[in-house]
Amino acid sequence: MKPVLFMCLCLQAISATAFAQSIPAPGDYYLIARSSENQFRSSHKIFVRPSDGLRKVTYCNRTYWVRPYTVAWSQIQVENELQVRVEYNGGKGWRPICEDPERQVTLSDLGIAMDPRDVLYVDPETSAALSRMDTIGRAFRTQFGNKNTDRTKD
């Protein structure tokens, strides 16, 4: 019973952290896709500091750090007739600060010669997260004797 409780607590902590990181906070910058009626459709966070997996880009003469997945996403949003802008969360709503980022940075600018849809499909960050969860699950199954659910033996 203790191992199950421990695993539940670990998974809860991981999911709570992931959720907290996805909530926009004042001072955050996002690429935001909106309809022609200015209705929010979707968004991707962009960063002002470098980090693992991020690439340096420039939107409207300002430096940001983004994942290739985000650049691919912006290209697809425009193909789907949505408007993409860099917007700033000032704490009391979103302020557009840069128009047409998809025209300023493309996958080819990042040295990626793939269709944007393929980049969305094989996003390494998503794959890495799934791989980490699979590794954690295998470790628990091995340690606590439930080897029948090991998905690596398909």
C-alpha atoms as a PDB file:
ATOM      1  CA  MET A   1       0.000   0.000   0.000  1.00  0.00           C
ATOM      2  CA  LYS A   2       2.834   2.406   0.820  1.00  0.00           C
ATOM      3  CA  PRO A   3       4.419   2.071  -2.652  1.00  0.00           C
ATOM      4  CA  VAL A   4       1.098   2.907  -4.317  1.00  0.00           C
ATOM      5  CA  LEU A   5       0.610   5.936  -2.070  1.00  0.00           C
ATOM      6  CA  PHE A   6       4.177   7.082  -2.765  1.00  0.00           C
ATOM      7  CA  MET A   7       3.674   6.758  -6.522  1.00  0.00           C
ATOM      8  CA  CYS A   8       0.386   8.694  -6.359  1.00  0.00           C
ATOM      9  CA  LEU A   9       2.044  11.496  -4.411  1.00  0.00           C
ATOM     10  CA  CYS A  10       4.919  11.650  -6.910  1.00  0.00           C
ATOM     11  CA  LEU A  11       2.570  11.810  -9.888  1.00  0.00           C
ATOM     12  CA  GLN A  12       0.454  14.465  -8.180  1.00  0.00           C
ATOM     13  CA  ALA A  13       3.536  16.601  -7.517  1.00  0.00           C
ATOM     14  CA  ILE A  14       4.699  16.245 -11.124  1.00  0.00           C
ATOM     15  CA  SER A  15       1.296  17.153 -12.573  1.00  0.00           C
ATOM     16  CA  ALA A  16       0.805  20.082 -10.169  1.00  0.00           C
ATOM     17  CA  THR A  17       4.190  21.499 -11.159  1.00  0.00           C
ATOM     18  CA  ALA A  18       3.462  21.079 -14.865  1.00  0.00           C
ATOM     19  CA  PHE A  19       0.063  22.760 -14.463  1.00  0.00           C
ATOM     20  CA  ALA A  20       1.508  25.670 -12.470  1.00  0.00           C
ATOM     21  CA  GLN A  21       4.117  26.251 -15.170  1.00  0.00           C
ATOM     22  CA  SER A  22       1.406  26.469 -17.832  1.00  0.00           C
ATOM     23  CA  ILE A  23      -0.576  29.264 -16.144  1.00  0.00           C
ATOM     24  CA  PRO A  24       0.322  32.646 -17.658  1.00  0.00           C
ATOM     25  CA  ALA A  25       1.785  35.047 -15.109  1.00  0.00           C
ATOM     26  CA  PRO A  26       2.342  38.799 -15.274  1.00  0.00           C
ATOM     27  CA  GLY A  27       5.551  39.443 -17.175  1.00  0.00           C
ATOM     28  CA  ASP A  28       5.164  36.427 -19.481  1.00  0.00           C
ATOM     29  CA  TYR A  29       5.402  36.634 -23.253  1.00  0.00           C
ATOM     30  CA  TYR A  30       3.359  34.376 -25.519  1.00  0.00           C
ATOM     31  CA  LEU A  31       2.721  33.803 -29.177  1.00  0.00           C
ATOM     32  CA  ILE A  32      -1.063  33.998 -29.273  1.00  0.00           C
ATOM     33  CA  ALA A  33      -3.266  32.875 -32.155  1.00  0.00           C
ATOM     34  CA  ARG A  34      -6.536  34.773 -32.545  1.00  0.00           C
ATOM     35  CA  SER A  35      -9.414  34.617 -34.982  1.00  0.00           C
ATOM     36  CA  SER A  36     -10.320  37.475 -37.324  1.00  0.00           C
ATOM     37  CA  GLU A  37     -12.768  38.580 -34.585  1.00  0.00           C
ATOM     38  CA  ASN A  38      -9.806  38.770 -32.134  1.00  0.00           C
ATOM     39  CA  GLN A  39     -10.999  35.709 -30.201  1.00  0.00           C
ATOM     40  CA  PHE A  40      -8.309  33.673 -28.450  1.00  0.00           C
ATOM     41  CA  ARG A  41      -7.668  30.286 -30.075  1.00  0.00           C
ATOM     42  CA  SER A  42      -4.364  28.998 -28.647  1.00  0.00           C
ATOM     43  CA  SER A  43      -0.952  30.089 -27.437  1.00  0.00           C
ATOM     44  CA  HIS A  44       2.667  29.128 -26.831  1.00  0.00           C
ATOM     45  CA  LYS A  45       4.921  30.635 -24.203  1.00  0.00           C
ATOM     46  CA  ILE A  46       8.135  32.251 -25.385  1.00  0.00           C
ATOM     47  CA  PHE A  47      11.020  33.132 -23.109  1.00  0.00           C
ATOM     48  CA  VAL A  48      13.382  36.041 -22.485  1.00  0.00           C
ATOM     49  CA  ARG A  49      16.205  33.846 -21.162  1.00  0.00           C
ATOM     50  CA  PRO A  50      18.004  30.873 -22.697  1.00  0.00           C
ATOM     51  CA  SER A  51      17.316  27.354 -21.494  1.00  0.00           C
ATOM     52  CA  ASP A  52      17.787  23.773 -22.673  1.00  0.00           C
ATOM     53  CA  GLY A  53      15.937  23.038 -25.901  1.00  0.00           C
ATOM     54  CA  LEU A  54      15.282  26.706 -26.722  1.00  0.00           C
ATOM     55  CA  ARG A  55      16.560  28.583 -29.760  1.00  0.00           C
ATOM     56  CA  LYS A  56      17.410  32.270 -29.924  1.00  0.00           C
ATOM     57  CA  VAL A  57      15.116  34.249 -32.249  1.00  0.00           C
ATOM     58  CA  THR A  58      14.269  37.887 -32.892  1.00  0.00           C
ATOM     59  CA  TYR A  59      10.724  39.195 -33.189  1.00  0.00           C
ATOM     60  CA  CYS A  60      10.349  42.938 -33.908  1.00  0.00           C
ATOM     61  CA  ASN A  61      13.989  43.640 -32.987  1.00  0.00           C
ATOM     62  CA  ARG A  62      13.699  41.970 -29.591  1.00  0.00           C
ATOM     63  CA  THR A  63      15.405  38.704 -28.593  1.00  0.00           C
ATOM     64  CA  TYR A  64      13.363  35.751 -27.347  1.00  0.00           C
ATOM     65  CA  TRP A  65      14.007  32.050 -26.814  1.00  0.00           C
ATOM     66  CA  VAL A  66      11.595  29.514 -28.317  1.00  0.00           C
ATOM     67  CA  ARG A  67      11.239  25.816 -29.035  1.00  0.00           C
ATOM     68  CA  PRO A  68      11.222  24.760 -32.697  1.00  0.00           C
ATOM     69  CA  TYR A  69       7.786  23.279 -31.949  1.00  0.00           C
ATOM     70  CA  THR A  70       6.518  26.818 -31.239  1.00  0.00           C
ATOM     71  CA  VAL A  71       7.821  28.134 -34.561  1.00  0.00           C
ATOM     72  CA  ALA A  72       6.141  25.234 -36.391  1.00  0.00           C
ATOM     73  CA  TRP A  73       2.923  25.864 -34.450  1.00  0.00           C
ATOM     74  CA  SER A  74       2.910  29.549 -35.466  1.00  0.00           C
ATOM     75  CA  GLN A  75       3.284  28.629 -39.137  1.00  0.00           C
ATOM     76  CA  ILE A  76       0.365  26.176 -38.930  1.00  0.00           C
ATOM     77  CA  GLN A  77      -1.864  28.715 -37.152  1.00  0.00           C
ATOM     78  CA  VAL A  78      -1.384  31.213 -39.980  1.00  0.00           C
ATOM     79  CA  GLU A  79      -2.093  28.505 -42.568  1.00  0.00           C
ATOM     80  CA  ASN A  80      -5.361  27.950 -40.674  1.00  0.00           C
ATOM     81  CA  GLU A  81      -6.175  31.656 -41.169  1.00  0.00           C
ATOM     82  CA  LEU A  82      -5.522  32.750 -37.599  1.00  0.00           C
ATOM     83  CA  GLN A  83      -3.528  35.842 -36.694  1.00  0.00           C
ATOM     84  CA  VAL A  84      -0.438  35.213 -34.553  1.00  0.00           C
ATOM     85  CA  ARG A  85       1.159  37.966 -32.467  1.00  0.00           C
ATOM     86  CA  VAL A  86       3.676  38.267 -29.672  1.00  0.00           C
ATOM     87  CA  GLU A  87       1.684  39.428 -26.659  1.00  0.00           C
ATOM     88  CA  TYR A  88       2.762  40.500 -23.195  1.00  0.00           C
ATOM     89  CA  ASN A  89       0.878  39.679 -20.001  1.00  0.00           C
ATOM     90  CA  GLY A  90       0.960  42.891 -17.993  1.00  0.00           C
ATOM     91  CA  GLY A  91      -1.199  41.429 -15.231  1.00  0.00           C
ATOM     92  CA  LYS A  92      -4.363  43.205 -16.390  1.00  0.00           C
ATOM     93  CA  GLY A  93      -4.785  41.619 -19.778  1.00  0.00           C
ATOM     94  CA  TRP A  94      -2.722  40.962 -22.871  1.00  0.00           C
ATOM     95  CA  ARG A  95      -0.907  43.656 -24.814  1.00  0.00           C
ATOM     96  CA  PRO A  96       0.099  42.932 -28.427  1.00  0.00           C
ATOM     97  CA  ILE A  97       3.718  43.941 -28.982  1.00  0.00           C
ATOM     98  CA  CYS A  98       4.712  42.336 -32.289  1.00  0.00           C
ATOM     99  CA  GLU A  99       2.733  41.493 -35.424  1.00  0.00           C
ATOM    100  CA  ASP A 100       3.355  38.580 -37.792  1.00  0.00           C
ATOM    101  CA  PRO A 101       6.107  36.687 -35.935  1.00  0.00           C
ATOM    102  CA  GLU A 102       5.678  33.764 -38.346  1.00  0.00           C
ATOM    103  CA  ARG A 103       7.076  35.991 -41.118  1.00  0.00           C
ATOM    104  CA  GLN A 104      10.096  36.906 -38.992  1.00  0.00           C
ATOM    105  CA  VAL A 105      11.204  33.412 -37.918  1.00  0.00           C
ATOM    106  CA  THR A 106      10.601  30.158 -39.779  1.00  0.00           C
ATOM    107  CA  LEU A 107      11.806  26.623 -39.279  1.00  0.00           C
ATOM    108  CA  SER A 108      14.376  27.111 -42.036  1.00  0.00           C
ATOM    109  CA  ASP A 109      15.801  30.051 -40.036  1.00  0.00           C
ATOM    110  CA  LEU A 110      16.427  27.523 -37.252  1.00  0.00           C
ATOM    111  CA  GLY A 111      18.131  25.137 -39.664  1.00  0.00           C
ATOM    112  CA  ILE A 112      15.168  22.756 -39.733  1.00  0.00           C
ATOM    113  CA  ALA A 113      14.201  21.456 -43.175  1.00  0.00           C
ATOM    114  CA  MET A 114      10.959  19.763 -42.147  1.00  0.00           C
ATOM    115  CA  ASP A 115       7.311  20.452 -42.782  1.00  0.00           C
ATOM    116  CA  PRO A 116       5.811  22.232 -39.740  1.00  0.00           C
ATOM    117  CA  ARG A 117       3.296  19.399 -39.293  1.00  0.00           C
ATOM    118  CA  ASP A 118       6.119  16.884 -39.013  1.00  0.00           C
ATOM    119  CA  VAL A 119       7.815  19.020 -36.364  1.00  0.00           C
ATOM    120  CA  LEU A 120       4.549  19.145 -34.404  1.00  0.00           C
ATOM    121  CA  TYR A 121       4.240  15.379 -34.695  1.00  0.00           C
ATOM    122  CA  VAL A 122       7.752  14.540 -33.482  1.00  0.00           C
ATOM    123  CA  ASP A 123       8.300  17.307 -30.909  1.00  0.00           C
ATOM    124  CA  PRO A 124      11.306  16.096 -28.886  1.00  0.00           C
ATOM    125  CA  GLU A 125      10.128  17.808 -25.678  1.00  0.00           C
ATOM    126  CA  THR A 126       6.851  15.895 -25.705  1.00  0.00           C
ATOM    127  CA  SER A 127       8.668  12.686 -26.587  1.00  0.00           C
ATOM    128  CA  ALA A 128      11.167  13.257 -23.776  1.00  0.00           C
ATOM    129  CA  ALA A 129       8.379  13.879 -21.244  1.00  0.00           C
ATOM    130  CA  LEU A 130       6.576  10.696 -22.264  1.00  0.00           C
ATOM    131  CA  SER A 131       9.839   8.784 -22.120  1.00  0.00           C
ATOM    132  CA  ARG A 132      10.548  10.081 -18.587  1.00  0.00           C
ATOM    133  CA  MET A 133       7.081   9.005 -17.403  1.00  0.00           C
ATOM    134  CA  ASP A 134       7.524   5.596 -19.026  1.00  0.00           C
ATOM    135  CA  THR A 135      10.908   5.194 -17.298  1.00  0.00           C
ATOM    136  CA  ILE A 136       9.401   6.137 -13.920  1.00  0.00           C
ATOM    137  CA  GLY A 137       6.555   3.676 -14.441  1.00  0.00           C
ATOM    138  CA  ARG A 138       8.936   0.860 -15.408  1.00  0.00           C
ATOM    139  CA  ALA A 139      11.040   1.547 -12.316  1.00  0.00           C
ATOM    140  CA  PHE A 140       7.997   1.235 -10.060  1.00  0.00           C
ATOM    141  CA  ARG A 141       6.744  -1.894 -11.819  1.00  0.00           C
ATOM    142  CA  THR A 142      10.166  -3.528 -11.549  1.00  0.00           C
ATOM    143  CA  GLN A 143      10.721  -2.520  -7.930  1.00  0.00           C
ATOM    144  CA  PHE A 144       7.288  -3.624  -6.771  1.00  0.00           C
ATOM    145  CA  GLY A 145       7.005  -6.790  -8.832  1.00  0.00           C
ATOM    146  CA  ASN A 146       4.384  -5.912 -11.455  1.00  0.00           C
ATOM    147  CA  LYS A 147       6.353  -6.757 -14.577  1.00  0.00           C
ATOM    148  CA  ASN A 148       3.307  -7.819 -16.618  1.00  0.00           C
ATOM    149  CA  THR A 149       2.519  -4.242 -17.605  1.00  0.00           C
ATOM    150  CA  ASP A 150       5.923  -3.369 -19.056  1.00  0.00           C
ATOM    151  CA  ARG A 151       5.103  -1.764 -22.435  1.00  0.00           C
ATOM    152  CA  THR A 152       8.629  -2.186 -23.756  1.00  0.00           C
ATOM    153  CA  LYS A 153       7.937  -5.854 -24.554  1.00  0.00           C
ATOM    154  CA  ASP A 154       5.208  -5.219 -27.169  1.00  0.00           C
END
